[in-house]
């Protein structure tokens, strides 16, 4: 099946009005919205502040954001897929190909059968999130904890642990920490704090975070596959342009079905919807990119208030970057609704 002909330029004016409204209402301190059209034309607009405390700072088109879980598709998935393309691993190889000591004290542990594809598509049995940072301060010890813990087997959910493990696999293959690896052009693990949007006033670290990773586990591990990448709207649009050029059979566009059991089928009476590709969320009812996105669109969000969506059918992509956790995550930002509304406005719903 081929993609539909690209539509006209996205309606950034209507979408940006929604963003400005959220800023004026005080739901988010600031935001940057960027769009790349089918003809390559780019638009980037901003509103609000990059920081409100301790020192106010204006938002700019080129403000650098803590991308949080956008690290997963932009850096980690890309690096794993590069190993697949090189022939170093196969998607259905177990993680033990690169991490032979995974769950080594539990010989029959289910973790030893987990594959690279399983982690990329979040179809493992790891928990959604776990406060790894509370188990110590030494990164090597925390990595050993992740590898050797006898994790309770649960239902398949979106899990940071999948990408923490993929990050460890990359470190083992390349023989150096993630933070010493080269991210895609325009991205960094060590930004200039003055160029960054602030995130949270972190009670654990005792300071307002600006230019250091917000995610506690990524900070404690001193580099992790699930979070820690920083970048601008422009860098994300550059990356999205490369993704838009990929063929329909590329892994980032290929749906990955879950490990559905016969009992699941009997209970529901139908096959479970496929909502993941290799590293990305696939368009489905209620997803983050809005109902008007084209069939086969992919996207991903980040806890700090970031997101990137690539719509192959319409031939365009967009990013919405906010500092919605500044100065606290414990506020009603309306980010879920805002993301969907922006996507619908850009796709002329």
C-alpha atoms as a PDB file:
ATOM      1  CA  UNK A   1       0.000   0.000   0.000  1.00  0.00           C
ATOM      2  CA  UNK A   2       1.396   3.448  -0.894  1.00  0.00           C
ATOM      3  CA  UNK A   3       1.007   6.649   1.066  1.00  0.00           C
ATOM      4  CA  UNK A   4      -1.734   9.086   0.109  1.00  0.00           C
ATOM      5  CA  UNK A   5      -0.663  12.259  -1.721  1.00  0.00           C
ATOM      6  CA  UNK A   6       0.568  14.930   0.706  1.00  0.00           C
ATOM      7  CA  UNK A   7      -1.979  17.538   1.730  1.00  0.00           C
ATOM      8  CA  UNK A   8      -1.388  21.281   1.915  1.00  0.00           C
ATOM      9  CA  UNK A   9       0.795  22.979   4.534  1.00  0.00           C
ATOM     10  CA  UNK A  10      -0.256  22.289   8.144  1.00  0.00           C
ATOM     11  CA  UNK A  11      -2.343  24.969   9.875  1.00  0.00           C
ATOM     12  CA  UNK A  12       0.257  26.130  12.389  1.00  0.00           C
ATOM     13  CA  UNK A  13      -1.587  29.380  13.162  1.00  0.00           C
ATOM     14  CA  UNK A  14      -4.640  27.570  14.496  1.00  0.00           C
ATOM     15  CA  UNK A  15      -2.515  25.058  16.396  1.00  0.00           C
ATOM     16  CA  UNK A  16      -0.303  27.754  17.907  1.00  0.00           C
ATOM     17  CA  UNK A  17      -3.350  29.637  19.164  1.00  0.00           C
ATOM     18  CA  UNK A  18      -4.127  26.585  21.316  1.00  0.00           C
ATOM     19  CA  UNK A  19      -0.582  26.608  22.689  1.00  0.00           C
ATOM     20  CA  UNK A  20      -0.708  30.339  23.455  1.00  0.00           C
ATOM     21  CA  UNK A  21      -4.020  29.847  25.241  1.00  0.00           C
ATOM     22  CA  UNK A  22      -2.445  27.196  27.487  1.00  0.00           C
ATOM     23  CA  UNK A  23       0.441  29.546  28.312  1.00  0.00           C
ATOM     24  CA  UNK A  24      -1.823  32.511  29.066  1.00  0.00           C
ATOM     25  CA  UNK A  25      -3.993  30.296  31.281  1.00  0.00           C
ATOM     26  CA  UNK A  26      -0.906  29.343  33.296  1.00  0.00           C
ATOM     27  CA  UNK A  27      -1.148  25.634  32.535  1.00  0.00           C
ATOM     28  CA  UNK A  28       2.366  25.563  31.045  1.00  0.00           C
ATOM     29  CA  UNK A  29       5.148  28.163  31.437  1.00  0.00           C
ATOM     30  CA  UNK A  30       6.153  28.068  27.783  1.00  0.00           C
ATOM     31  CA  UNK A  31       6.329  26.080  24.577  1.00  0.00           C
ATOM     32  CA  UNK A  32       7.873  25.774  21.134  1.00  0.00           C
ATOM     33  CA  UNK A  33       5.856  24.388  18.224  1.00  0.00           C
ATOM     34  CA  UNK A  34       7.617  23.283  15.059  1.00  0.00           C
ATOM     35  CA  UNK A  35       6.236  21.893  11.807  1.00  0.00           C
ATOM     36  CA  UNK A  36       7.866  20.587   8.641  1.00  0.00           C
ATOM     37  CA  UNK A  37       5.581  20.451   5.592  1.00  0.00           C
ATOM     38  CA  UNK A  38       5.621  17.961   2.731  1.00  0.00           C
ATOM     39  CA  UNK A  39       7.647  20.402   0.598  1.00  0.00           C
ATOM     40  CA  UNK A  40      10.272  20.790   3.334  1.00  0.00           C
ATOM     41  CA  UNK A  41       9.056  24.200   4.486  1.00  0.00           C
ATOM     42  CA  UNK A  42       9.586  24.692   8.218  1.00  0.00           C
ATOM     43  CA  UNK A  43       7.801  26.860  10.728  1.00  0.00           C
ATOM     44  CA  UNK A  44       8.868  27.274  14.356  1.00  0.00           C
ATOM     45  CA  UNK A  45       7.034  29.498  16.831  1.00  0.00           C
ATOM     46  CA  UNK A  46       7.334  29.979  20.579  1.00  0.00           C
ATOM     47  CA  UNK A  47       5.432  31.399  23.528  1.00  0.00           C
ATOM     48  CA  UNK A  48       5.963  32.014  27.236  1.00  0.00           C
ATOM     49  CA  UNK A  49       9.030  31.455  29.364  1.00  0.00           C
ATOM     50  CA  UNK A  50      11.830  28.910  29.396  1.00  0.00           C
ATOM     51  CA  UNK A  51      12.120  29.410  33.159  1.00  0.00           C
ATOM     52  CA  UNK A  52      10.142  31.208  35.843  1.00  0.00           C
ATOM     53  CA  UNK A  53      12.363  30.430  38.861  1.00  0.00           C
ATOM     54  CA  UNK A  54      14.899  31.128  40.209  1.00  0.00           C
ATOM     55  CA  UNK A  55      15.716  33.472  37.321  1.00  0.00           C
ATOM     56  CA  UNK A  56      13.039  34.157  34.688  1.00  0.00           C
ATOM     57  CA  UNK A  57      14.133  33.482  31.109  1.00  0.00           C
ATOM     58  CA  UNK A  58      12.224  33.952  27.849  1.00  0.00           C
ATOM     59  CA  UNK A  59      11.371  31.089  25.539  1.00  0.00           C
ATOM     60  CA  UNK A  60      13.067  31.137  22.118  1.00  0.00           C
ATOM     61  CA  UNK A  61      12.708  29.175  18.900  1.00  0.00           C
ATOM     62  CA  UNK A  62      16.077  27.565  19.656  1.00  0.00           C
ATOM     63  CA  UNK A  63      15.537  26.819  23.349  1.00  0.00           C
ATOM     64  CA  UNK A  64      17.048  23.453  24.258  1.00  0.00           C
ATOM     65  CA  UNK A  65      14.701  20.980  25.958  1.00  0.00           C
ATOM     66  CA  UNK A  66      15.181  17.936  28.132  1.00  0.00           C
ATOM     67  CA  UNK A  67      13.517  15.536  25.694  1.00  0.00           C
ATOM     68  CA  UNK A  68      12.862  12.853  28.340  1.00  0.00           C
ATOM     69  CA  UNK A  69      11.392   9.737  26.678  1.00  0.00           C
ATOM     70  CA  UNK A  70      11.950  11.123  23.187  1.00  0.00           C
ATOM     71  CA  UNK A  71      15.418   9.718  23.900  1.00  0.00           C
ATOM     72  CA  UNK A  72      13.896   6.304  23.202  1.00  0.00           C
ATOM     73  CA  UNK A  73      13.068   6.741  19.484  1.00  0.00           C
ATOM     74  CA  UNK A  74      15.557   9.488  18.614  1.00  0.00           C
ATOM     75  CA  UNK A  75      18.689   7.946  20.112  1.00  0.00           C
ATOM     76  CA  UNK A  76      18.320   4.452  21.555  1.00  0.00           C
ATOM     77  CA  UNK A  77      16.045   2.849  18.954  1.00  0.00           C
ATOM     78  CA  UNK A  78      18.123   4.398  16.159  1.00  0.00           C
ATOM     79  CA  UNK A  79      21.333   3.012  17.661  1.00  0.00           C
ATOM     80  CA  UNK A  80      19.859  -0.480  18.090  1.00  0.00           C
ATOM     81  CA  UNK A  81      18.473  -0.487  14.538  1.00  0.00           C
ATOM     82  CA  UNK A  82      21.915   0.567  13.284  1.00  0.00           C
ATOM     83  CA  UNK A  83      23.356  -2.574  14.904  1.00  0.00           C
ATOM     84  CA  UNK A  84      20.679  -4.621  13.144  1.00  0.00           C
ATOM     85  CA  UNK A  85      21.540  -3.022   9.801  1.00  0.00           C
ATOM     86  CA  UNK A  86      25.238  -3.741  10.394  1.00  0.00           C
ATOM     87  CA  UNK A  87      24.445  -7.393  11.107  1.00  0.00           C
ATOM     88  CA  UNK A  88      25.775  -7.222  14.669  1.00  0.00           C
ATOM     89  CA  UNK A  89      22.415  -8.397  16.051  1.00  0.00           C
ATOM     90  CA  UNK A  90      18.976  -9.429  14.789  1.00  0.00           C
ATOM     91  CA  UNK A  91      15.747  -7.993  16.139  1.00  0.00           C
ATOM     92  CA  UNK A  92      14.645 -11.396  17.420  1.00  0.00           C
ATOM     93  CA  UNK A  93      17.946 -12.153  19.133  1.00  0.00           C
ATOM     94  CA  UNK A  94      17.711 -12.231  22.938  1.00  0.00           C
ATOM     95  CA  UNK A  95      19.272  -9.392  24.912  1.00  0.00           C
ATOM     96  CA  UNK A  96      21.739 -11.963  26.232  1.00  0.00           C
ATOM     97  CA  UNK A  97      23.478 -11.693  22.855  1.00  0.00           C
ATOM     98  CA  UNK A  98      25.021  -8.470  24.171  1.00  0.00           C
ATOM     99  CA  UNK A  99      24.258  -8.863  27.897  1.00  0.00           C
ATOM    100  CA  UNK A 100      25.213 -12.478  28.688  1.00  0.00           C
ATOM    101  CA  UNK A 101      24.997 -11.862  32.445  1.00  0.00           C
ATOM    102  CA  UNK A 102      21.342 -10.758  32.325  1.00  0.00           C
ATOM    103  CA  UNK A 103      19.487 -12.503  35.160  1.00  0.00           C
ATOM    104  CA  UNK A 104      22.440 -14.881  35.534  1.00  0.00           C
ATOM    105  CA  UNK A 105      21.482 -16.033  39.042  1.00  0.00           C
ATOM    106  CA  UNK A 106      18.042 -17.189  37.892  1.00  0.00           C
ATOM    107  CA  UNK A 107      18.836 -19.610  35.071  1.00  0.00           C
ATOM    108  CA  UNK A 108      15.206 -20.077  34.096  1.00  0.00           C
ATOM    109  CA  UNK A 109      14.330 -16.409  34.394  1.00  0.00           C
ATOM    110  CA  UNK A 110      11.956 -15.116  31.724  1.00  0.00           C
ATOM    111  CA  UNK A 111      14.173 -12.066  31.232  1.00  0.00           C
ATOM    112  CA  UNK A 112      16.776 -14.190  29.444  1.00  0.00           C
ATOM    113  CA  UNK A 113      14.312 -14.807  26.608  1.00  0.00           C
ATOM    114  CA  UNK A 114      13.480 -11.123  26.067  1.00  0.00           C
ATOM    115  CA  UNK A 115      14.478  -9.951  22.581  1.00  0.00           C
ATOM    116  CA  UNK A 116      15.563  -6.617  21.151  1.00  0.00           C
ATOM    117  CA  UNK A 117      12.246  -6.432  19.287  1.00  0.00           C
ATOM    118  CA  UNK A 118      10.352  -7.073  22.526  1.00  0.00           C
ATOM    119  CA  UNK A 119      12.045  -4.117  24.201  1.00  0.00           C
ATOM    120  CA  UNK A 120      11.689  -1.769  21.224  1.00  0.00           C
ATOM    121  CA  UNK A 121       7.942  -2.473  21.047  1.00  0.00           C
ATOM    122  CA  UNK A 122       7.292  -2.619  24.813  1.00  0.00           C
ATOM    123  CA  UNK A 123       5.948  -6.146  24.771  1.00  0.00           C
ATOM    124  CA  UNK A 124       7.962  -7.434  27.739  1.00  0.00           C
ATOM    125  CA  UNK A 125       6.697  -8.170  31.262  1.00  0.00           C
ATOM    126  CA  UNK A 126       8.738  -5.479  33.032  1.00  0.00           C
ATOM    127  CA  UNK A 127       6.895  -2.923  35.212  1.00  0.00           C
ATOM    128  CA  UNK A 128       6.065   0.498  33.796  1.00  0.00           C
ATOM    129  CA  UNK A 129       8.614   2.273  35.968  1.00  0.00           C
ATOM    130  CA  UNK A 130      10.723   1.499  39.034  1.00  0.00           C
ATOM    131  CA  UNK A 131      12.658   3.891  41.317  1.00  0.00           C
ATOM    132  CA  UNK A 132      16.066   2.386  40.570  1.00  0.00           C
ATOM    133  CA  UNK A 133      17.748   5.562  41.867  1.00  0.00           C
ATOM    134  CA  UNK A 134      16.619   4.765  45.422  1.00  0.00           C
ATOM    135  CA  UNK A 135      18.831   1.656  45.586  1.00  0.00           C
ATOM    136  CA  UNK A 136      22.186   3.425  45.700  1.00  0.00           C
ATOM    137  CA  UNK A 137      24.367   6.107  44.163  1.00  0.00           C
ATOM    138  CA  UNK A 138      26.939   4.087  42.216  1.00  0.00           C
ATOM    139  CA  UNK A 139      25.946   3.751  38.531  1.00  0.00           C
ATOM    140  CA  UNK A 140      27.636   0.354  38.127  1.00  0.00           C
ATOM    141  CA  UNK A 141      25.785  -1.015  41.157  1.00  0.00           C
ATOM    142  CA  UNK A 142      22.479   0.322  39.832  1.00  0.00           C
ATOM    143  CA  UNK A 143      23.101  -1.310  36.453  1.00  0.00           C
ATOM    144  CA  UNK A 144      23.814  -4.593  38.234  1.00  0.00           C
ATOM    145  CA  UNK A 145      20.560  -4.178  40.167  1.00  0.00           C
ATOM    146  CA  UNK A 146      18.584  -3.789  36.945  1.00  0.00           C
ATOM    147  CA  UNK A 147      20.272  -6.809  35.368  1.00  0.00           C
ATOM    148  CA  UNK A 148      20.106  -9.190  38.328  1.00  0.00           C
ATOM    149  CA  UNK A 149      16.801  -8.354  40.006  1.00  0.00           C
ATOM    150  CA  UNK A 150      14.295 -11.183  39.678  1.00  0.00           C
ATOM    151  CA  UNK A 151      11.618  -8.943  38.195  1.00  0.00           C
ATOM    152  CA  UNK A 152       8.074 -10.074  38.771  1.00  0.00           C
ATOM    153  CA  UNK A 153       6.449 -11.029  35.494  1.00  0.00           C
ATOM    154  CA  UNK A 154       3.495  -8.760  34.732  1.00  0.00           C
ATOM    155  CA  UNK A 155       1.346  -7.776  31.753  1.00  0.00           C
ATOM    156  CA  UNK A 156       3.043  -6.093  28.802  1.00  0.00           C
ATOM    157  CA  UNK A 157       3.072  -2.327  29.389  1.00  0.00           C
ATOM    158  CA  UNK A 158       5.106   0.651  28.216  1.00  0.00           C
ATOM    159  CA  UNK A 159       8.230   0.350  30.363  1.00  0.00           C
ATOM    160  CA  UNK A 160      11.311   2.499  30.896  1.00  0.00           C
ATOM    161  CA  UNK A 161      13.161  -0.681  31.856  1.00  0.00           C
ATOM    162  CA  UNK A 162      12.970  -1.909  28.261  1.00  0.00           C
ATOM    163  CA  UNK A 163      15.071   1.018  27.117  1.00  0.00           C
ATOM    164  CA  UNK A 164      17.343   1.050  30.154  1.00  0.00           C
ATOM    165  CA  UNK A 165      18.271  -2.498  29.117  1.00  0.00           C
ATOM    166  CA  UNK A 166      18.709  -1.489  25.471  1.00  0.00           C
ATOM    167  CA  UNK A 167      21.011   1.287  26.663  1.00  0.00           C
ATOM    168  CA  UNK A 168      23.097  -1.198  28.639  1.00  0.00           C
ATOM    169  CA  UNK A 169      23.241  -3.418  25.536  1.00  0.00           C
ATOM    170  CA  UNK A 170      24.620  -0.488  23.520  1.00  0.00           C
ATOM    171  CA  UNK A 171      27.225   0.215  26.193  1.00  0.00           C
ATOM    172  CA  UNK A 172      28.329  -3.420  26.147  1.00  0.00           C
ATOM    173  CA  UNK A 173      28.605  -3.470  22.350  1.00  0.00           C
ATOM    174  CA  UNK A 174      30.466  -0.172  22.001  1.00  0.00           C
ATOM    175  CA  UNK A 175      32.549  -0.519  25.157  1.00  0.00           C
ATOM    176  CA  UNK A 176      31.805   2.958  26.488  1.00  0.00           C
ATOM    177  CA  UNK A 177      29.066   4.828  28.402  1.00  0.00           C
ATOM    178  CA  UNK A 178      26.043   6.136  26.518  1.00  0.00           C
ATOM    179  CA  UNK A 179      26.978   9.714  27.350  1.00  0.00           C
ATOM    180  CA  UNK A 180      30.213   9.260  25.382  1.00  0.00           C
ATOM    181  CA  UNK A 181      28.387   8.075  22.267  1.00  0.00           C
ATOM    182  CA  UNK A 182      27.464  10.449  19.463  1.00  0.00           C
ATOM    183  CA  UNK A 183      23.751  11.271  19.269  1.00  0.00           C
ATOM    184  CA  UNK A 184      22.076  12.288  15.986  1.00  0.00           C
ATOM    185  CA  UNK A 185      23.107  15.725  14.639  1.00  0.00           C
ATOM    186  CA  UNK A 186      21.754  18.619  16.682  1.00  0.00           C
ATOM    187  CA  UNK A 187      21.277  16.637  19.894  1.00  0.00           C
ATOM    188  CA  UNK A 188      23.419  16.396  23.018  1.00  0.00           C
ATOM    189  CA  UNK A 189      23.657  14.742  26.413  1.00  0.00           C
ATOM    190  CA  UNK A 190      25.546  17.727  27.896  1.00  0.00           C
ATOM    191  CA  UNK A 191      23.807  20.996  27.004  1.00  0.00           C
ATOM    192  CA  UNK A 192      24.617  24.546  28.031  1.00  0.00           C
ATOM    193  CA  UNK A 193      22.247  25.139  30.992  1.00  0.00           C
ATOM    194  CA  UNK A 194      21.701  28.752  29.961  1.00  0.00           C
ATOM    195  CA  UNK A 195      20.257  27.636  26.623  1.00  0.00           C
ATOM    196  CA  UNK A 196      17.803  25.205  28.220  1.00  0.00           C
ATOM    197  CA  UNK A 197      14.223  25.272  29.375  1.00  0.00           C
ATOM    198  CA  UNK A 198      14.029  24.585  33.099  1.00  0.00           C
ATOM    199  CA  UNK A 199      12.202  21.549  34.427  1.00  0.00           C
ATOM    200  CA  UNK A 200      11.395  20.735  38.025  1.00  0.00           C
ATOM    201  CA  UNK A 201      12.405  22.142  41.391  1.00  0.00           C
ATOM    202  CA  UNK A 202      13.709  18.721  42.391  1.00  0.00           C
ATOM    203  CA  UNK A 203      13.260  17.883  46.075  1.00  0.00           C
ATOM    204  CA  UNK A 204      15.704  14.967  45.837  1.00  0.00           C
ATOM    205  CA  UNK A 205      18.530  17.043  44.314  1.00  0.00           C
ATOM    206  CA  UNK A 206      17.572  20.243  46.120  1.00  0.00           C
ATOM    207  CA  UNK A 207      17.639  22.560  43.105  1.00  0.00           C
ATOM    208  CA  UNK A 208      15.758  23.724  40.040  1.00  0.00           C
ATOM    209  CA  UNK A 209      16.886  21.558  37.148  1.00  0.00           C
ATOM    210  CA  UNK A 210      18.126  23.307  34.044  1.00  0.00           C
ATOM    211  CA  UNK A 211      20.479  21.584  31.642  1.00  0.00           C
ATOM    212  CA  UNK A 212      20.566  18.337  33.624  1.00  0.00           C
ATOM    213  CA  UNK A 213      18.325  15.356  33.059  1.00  0.00           C
ATOM    214  CA  UNK A 214      15.021  15.495  34.918  1.00  0.00           C
ATOM    215  CA  UNK A 215      14.498  11.718  35.095  1.00  0.00           C
ATOM    216  CA  UNK A 216      15.833  10.436  38.419  1.00  0.00           C
ATOM    217  CA  UNK A 217      16.893   7.021  37.120  1.00  0.00           C
ATOM    218  CA  UNK A 218      18.747   8.494  34.140  1.00  0.00           C
ATOM    219  CA  UNK A 219      20.533  10.933  36.461  1.00  0.00           C
ATOM    220  CA  UNK A 220      21.555   8.197  38.920  1.00  0.00           C
ATOM    221  CA  UNK A 221      22.727   5.883  36.126  1.00  0.00           C
ATOM    222  CA  UNK A 222      24.728   8.779  34.606  1.00  0.00           C
ATOM    223  CA  UNK A 223      23.364   7.951  31.199  1.00  0.00           C
ATOM    224  CA  UNK A 224      20.505   5.684  30.229  1.00  0.00           C
ATOM    225  CA  UNK A 225      18.608   4.531  27.175  1.00  0.00           C
ATOM    226  CA  UNK A 226      15.203   5.802  28.250  1.00  0.00           C
ATOM    227  CA  UNK A 227      15.931   9.496  28.942  1.00  0.00           C
ATOM    228  CA  UNK A 228      18.733  12.051  28.956  1.00  0.00           C
ATOM    229  CA  UNK A 229      18.844  13.476  25.423  1.00  0.00           C
ATOM    230  CA  UNK A 230      18.522  17.242  24.899  1.00  0.00           C
ATOM    231  CA  UNK A 231      17.604  19.067  21.711  1.00  0.00           C
ATOM    232  CA  UNK A 232      15.735  21.883  19.987  1.00  0.00           C
ATOM    233  CA  UNK A 233      12.630  21.952  17.835  1.00  0.00           C
ATOM    234  CA  UNK A 234      14.879  22.507  14.827  1.00  0.00           C
ATOM    235  CA  UNK A 235      16.931  19.395  15.574  1.00  0.00           C
ATOM    236  CA  UNK A 236      13.752  17.353  15.937  1.00  0.00           C
ATOM    237  CA  UNK A 237      12.419  18.614  12.598  1.00  0.00           C
ATOM    238  CA  UNK A 238      15.733  17.678  10.958  1.00  0.00           C
ATOM    239  CA  UNK A 239      15.402  14.203  12.443  1.00  0.00           C
ATOM    240  CA  UNK A 240      11.740  13.951  11.403  1.00  0.00           C
ATOM    241  CA  UNK A 241      12.661  14.880   7.817  1.00  0.00           C
ATOM    242  CA  UNK A 242      14.966  11.869   7.692  1.00  0.00           C
ATOM    243  CA  UNK A 243      12.262   9.623   9.140  1.00  0.00           C
ATOM    244  CA  UNK A 244       9.733  10.881   6.567  1.00  0.00           C
ATOM    245  CA  UNK A 245      12.045   9.656   3.801  1.00  0.00           C
ATOM    246  CA  UNK A 246      12.057   6.084   5.071  1.00  0.00           C
ATOM    247  CA  UNK A 247      10.201   3.382   3.120  1.00  0.00           C
ATOM    248  CA  UNK A 248       7.059   1.683   4.380  1.00  0.00           C
ATOM    249  CA  UNK A 249       8.965  -1.470   5.341  1.00  0.00           C
ATOM    250  CA  UNK A 250      11.450   0.359   7.576  1.00  0.00           C
ATOM    251  CA  UNK A 251      11.304  -0.923  11.188  1.00  0.00           C
ATOM    252  CA  UNK A 252      10.182   2.433  12.606  1.00  0.00           C
ATOM    253  CA  UNK A 253       7.097   2.188  10.361  1.00  0.00           C
ATOM    254  CA  UNK A 254       6.494  -1.542  10.814  1.00  0.00           C
ATOM    255  CA  UNK A 255       3.728  -2.463  13.301  1.00  0.00           C
ATOM    256  CA  UNK A 256       4.742  -4.941  15.993  1.00  0.00           C
ATOM    257  CA  UNK A 257       1.986  -7.165  17.375  1.00  0.00           C
ATOM    258  CA  UNK A 258       2.010  -7.996  21.063  1.00  0.00           C
ATOM    259  CA  UNK A 259       2.527 -11.455  22.516  1.00  0.00           C
ATOM    260  CA  UNK A 260      -1.185 -12.203  22.568  1.00  0.00           C
ATOM    261  CA  UNK A 261      -2.213 -15.461  24.191  1.00  0.00           C
ATOM    262  CA  UNK A 262      -5.131 -17.692  23.291  1.00  0.00           C
ATOM    263  CA  UNK A 263      -6.724 -16.709  26.598  1.00  0.00           C
ATOM    264  CA  UNK A 264      -6.515 -13.035  25.582  1.00  0.00           C
ATOM    265  CA  UNK A 265      -8.325 -13.782  22.324  1.00  0.00           C
ATOM    266  CA  UNK A 266     -11.022 -15.817  24.073  1.00  0.00           C
ATOM    267  CA  UNK A 267     -11.572 -13.074  26.650  1.00  0.00           C
ATOM    268  CA  UNK A 268     -11.833 -10.185  24.196  1.00  0.00           C
ATOM    269  CA  UNK A 269     -13.252 -12.016  21.205  1.00  0.00           C
ATOM    270  CA  UNK A 270     -10.890 -10.139  18.897  1.00  0.00           C
ATOM    271  CA  UNK A 271      -7.238  -9.474  18.295  1.00  0.00           C
ATOM    272  CA  UNK A 272      -5.649  -6.751  20.401  1.00  0.00           C
ATOM    273  CA  UNK A 273      -4.981  -3.496  18.510  1.00  0.00           C
ATOM    274  CA  UNK A 274      -1.399  -2.969  17.366  1.00  0.00           C
ATOM    275  CA  UNK A 275      -0.151   0.295  18.864  1.00  0.00           C
ATOM    276  CA  UNK A 276       3.644   0.072  18.556  1.00  0.00           C
ATOM    277  CA  UNK A 277       6.401   0.010  15.961  1.00  0.00           C
ATOM    278  CA  UNK A 278      10.108  -0.402  16.709  1.00  0.00           C
ATOM    279  CA  UNK A 279      10.656   2.482  19.122  1.00  0.00           C
ATOM    280  CA  UNK A 280       7.496   4.462  18.379  1.00  0.00           C
ATOM    281  CA  UNK A 281       3.797   4.680  19.171  1.00  0.00           C
ATOM    282  CA  UNK A 282       1.643   3.859  16.143  1.00  0.00           C
ATOM    283  CA  UNK A 283      -1.501   5.852  15.403  1.00  0.00           C
ATOM    284  CA  UNK A 284      -4.560   4.340  17.087  1.00  0.00           C
ATOM    285  CA  UNK A 285      -7.783   5.565  18.634  1.00  0.00           C
ATOM    286  CA  UNK A 286      -7.033   7.998  21.440  1.00  0.00           C
ATOM    287  CA  UNK A 287      -3.303   8.291  20.755  1.00  0.00           C
ATOM    288  CA  UNK A 288      -1.243  11.384  21.517  1.00  0.00           C
ATOM    289  CA  UNK A 289      -1.143  12.763  17.964  1.00  0.00           C
ATOM    290  CA  UNK A 290      -4.881  13.393  17.595  1.00  0.00           C
ATOM    291  CA  UNK A 291      -7.628  11.689  15.621  1.00  0.00           C
ATOM    292  CA  UNK A 292      -6.921  13.537  12.355  1.00  0.00           C
ATOM    293  CA  UNK A 293      -3.449  12.069  11.842  1.00  0.00           C
ATOM    294  CA  UNK A 294      -3.068   9.797   8.840  1.00  0.00           C
ATOM    295  CA  UNK A 295      -3.100   6.023   9.014  1.00  0.00           C
ATOM    296  CA  UNK A 296       0.372   4.734   9.853  1.00  0.00           C
ATOM    297  CA  UNK A 297       1.518   7.924  11.585  1.00  0.00           C
ATOM    298  CA  UNK A 298       4.008   7.454  14.416  1.00  0.00           C
ATOM    299  CA  UNK A 299       4.892   9.556  17.422  1.00  0.00           C
ATOM    300  CA  UNK A 300       6.337   9.637  20.910  1.00  0.00           C
ATOM    301  CA  UNK A 301       6.024  11.843  23.962  1.00  0.00           C
ATOM    302  CA  UNK A 302       8.257  12.735  26.903  1.00  0.00           C
ATOM    303  CA  UNK A 303       7.333  13.222  30.564  1.00  0.00           C
ATOM    304  CA  UNK A 304       8.808  16.727  30.693  1.00  0.00           C
ATOM    305  CA  UNK A 305       6.185  17.865  28.178  1.00  0.00           C
ATOM    306  CA  UNK A 306       7.797  17.024  24.857  1.00  0.00           C
ATOM    307  CA  UNK A 307       6.564  15.199  21.766  1.00  0.00           C
ATOM    308  CA  UNK A 308       7.306  14.418  18.115  1.00  0.00           C
ATOM    309  CA  UNK A 309       4.901  13.050  15.490  1.00  0.00           C
ATOM    310  CA  UNK A 310       5.569  11.927  11.914  1.00  0.00           C
ATOM    311  CA  UNK A 311       2.623  11.610   9.527  1.00  0.00           C
ATOM    312  CA  UNK A 312       3.622   9.734   6.369  1.00  0.00           C
ATOM    313  CA  UNK A 313       0.179   9.924   4.757  1.00  0.00           C
ATOM    314  CA  UNK A 314       0.115  13.724   4.970  1.00  0.00           C
ATOM    315  CA  UNK A 315       3.852  14.035   4.349  1.00  0.00           C
ATOM    316  CA  UNK A 316       4.553  16.272   7.335  1.00  0.00           C
ATOM    317  CA  UNK A 317       5.771  16.130  10.930  1.00  0.00           C
ATOM    318  CA  UNK A 318       5.471  18.296  14.010  1.00  0.00           C
ATOM    319  CA  UNK A 319       6.974  18.724  17.449  1.00  0.00           C
ATOM    320  CA  UNK A 320       5.470  20.327  20.534  1.00  0.00           C
ATOM    321  CA  UNK A 321       8.010  21.062  23.257  1.00  0.00           C
ATOM    322  CA  UNK A 322       6.843  22.400  26.622  1.00  0.00           C
ATOM    323  CA  UNK A 323       8.327  22.732  30.100  1.00  0.00           C
ATOM    324  CA  UNK A 324       5.103  21.562  31.717  1.00  0.00           C
ATOM    325  CA  UNK A 325       6.897  20.114  34.805  1.00  0.00           C
ATOM    326  CA  UNK A 326       8.386  23.537  35.681  1.00  0.00           C
ATOM    327  CA  UNK A 327       8.464  24.232  38.538  1.00  0.00           C
ATOM    328  CA  UNK A 328       6.531  21.087  39.559  1.00  0.00           C
ATOM    329  CA  UNK A 329       5.062  17.970  37.992  1.00  0.00           C
ATOM    330  CA  UNK A 330       2.197  18.163  40.494  1.00  0.00           C
ATOM    331  CA  UNK A 331       0.074  20.612  38.524  1.00  0.00           C
ATOM    332  CA  UNK A 332      -2.689  20.158  35.981  1.00  0.00           C
ATOM    333  CA  UNK A 333      -1.040  21.138  32.712  1.00  0.00           C
ATOM    334  CA  UNK A 334      -3.625  19.634  30.369  1.00  0.00           C
ATOM    335  CA  UNK A 335      -0.738  18.354  28.237  1.00  0.00           C
ATOM    336  CA  UNK A 336      -2.565  15.213  27.079  1.00  0.00           C
ATOM    337  CA  UNK A 337      -5.477  17.211  25.701  1.00  0.00           C
ATOM    338  CA  UNK A 338      -3.204  19.929  24.302  1.00  0.00           C
ATOM    339  CA  UNK A 339      -1.122  17.449  22.311  1.00  0.00           C
ATOM    340  CA  UNK A 340      -4.179  15.890  20.725  1.00  0.00           C
ATOM    341  CA  UNK A 341      -5.787  19.257  19.992  1.00  0.00           C
ATOM    342  CA  UNK A 342      -2.598  20.559  18.360  1.00  0.00           C
ATOM    343  CA  UNK A 343      -2.353  17.435  16.217  1.00  0.00           C
ATOM    344  CA  UNK A 344      -5.954  17.800  15.096  1.00  0.00           C
ATOM    345  CA  UNK A 345      -5.499  21.494  14.318  1.00  0.00           C
ATOM    346  CA  UNK A 346      -2.395  20.808  12.242  1.00  0.00           C
ATOM    347  CA  UNK A 347      -4.187  18.084  10.338  1.00  0.00           C
ATOM    348  CA  UNK A 348      -7.227  20.313   9.739  1.00  0.00           C
ATOM    349  CA  UNK A 349      -9.725  18.197  11.679  1.00  0.00           C
END
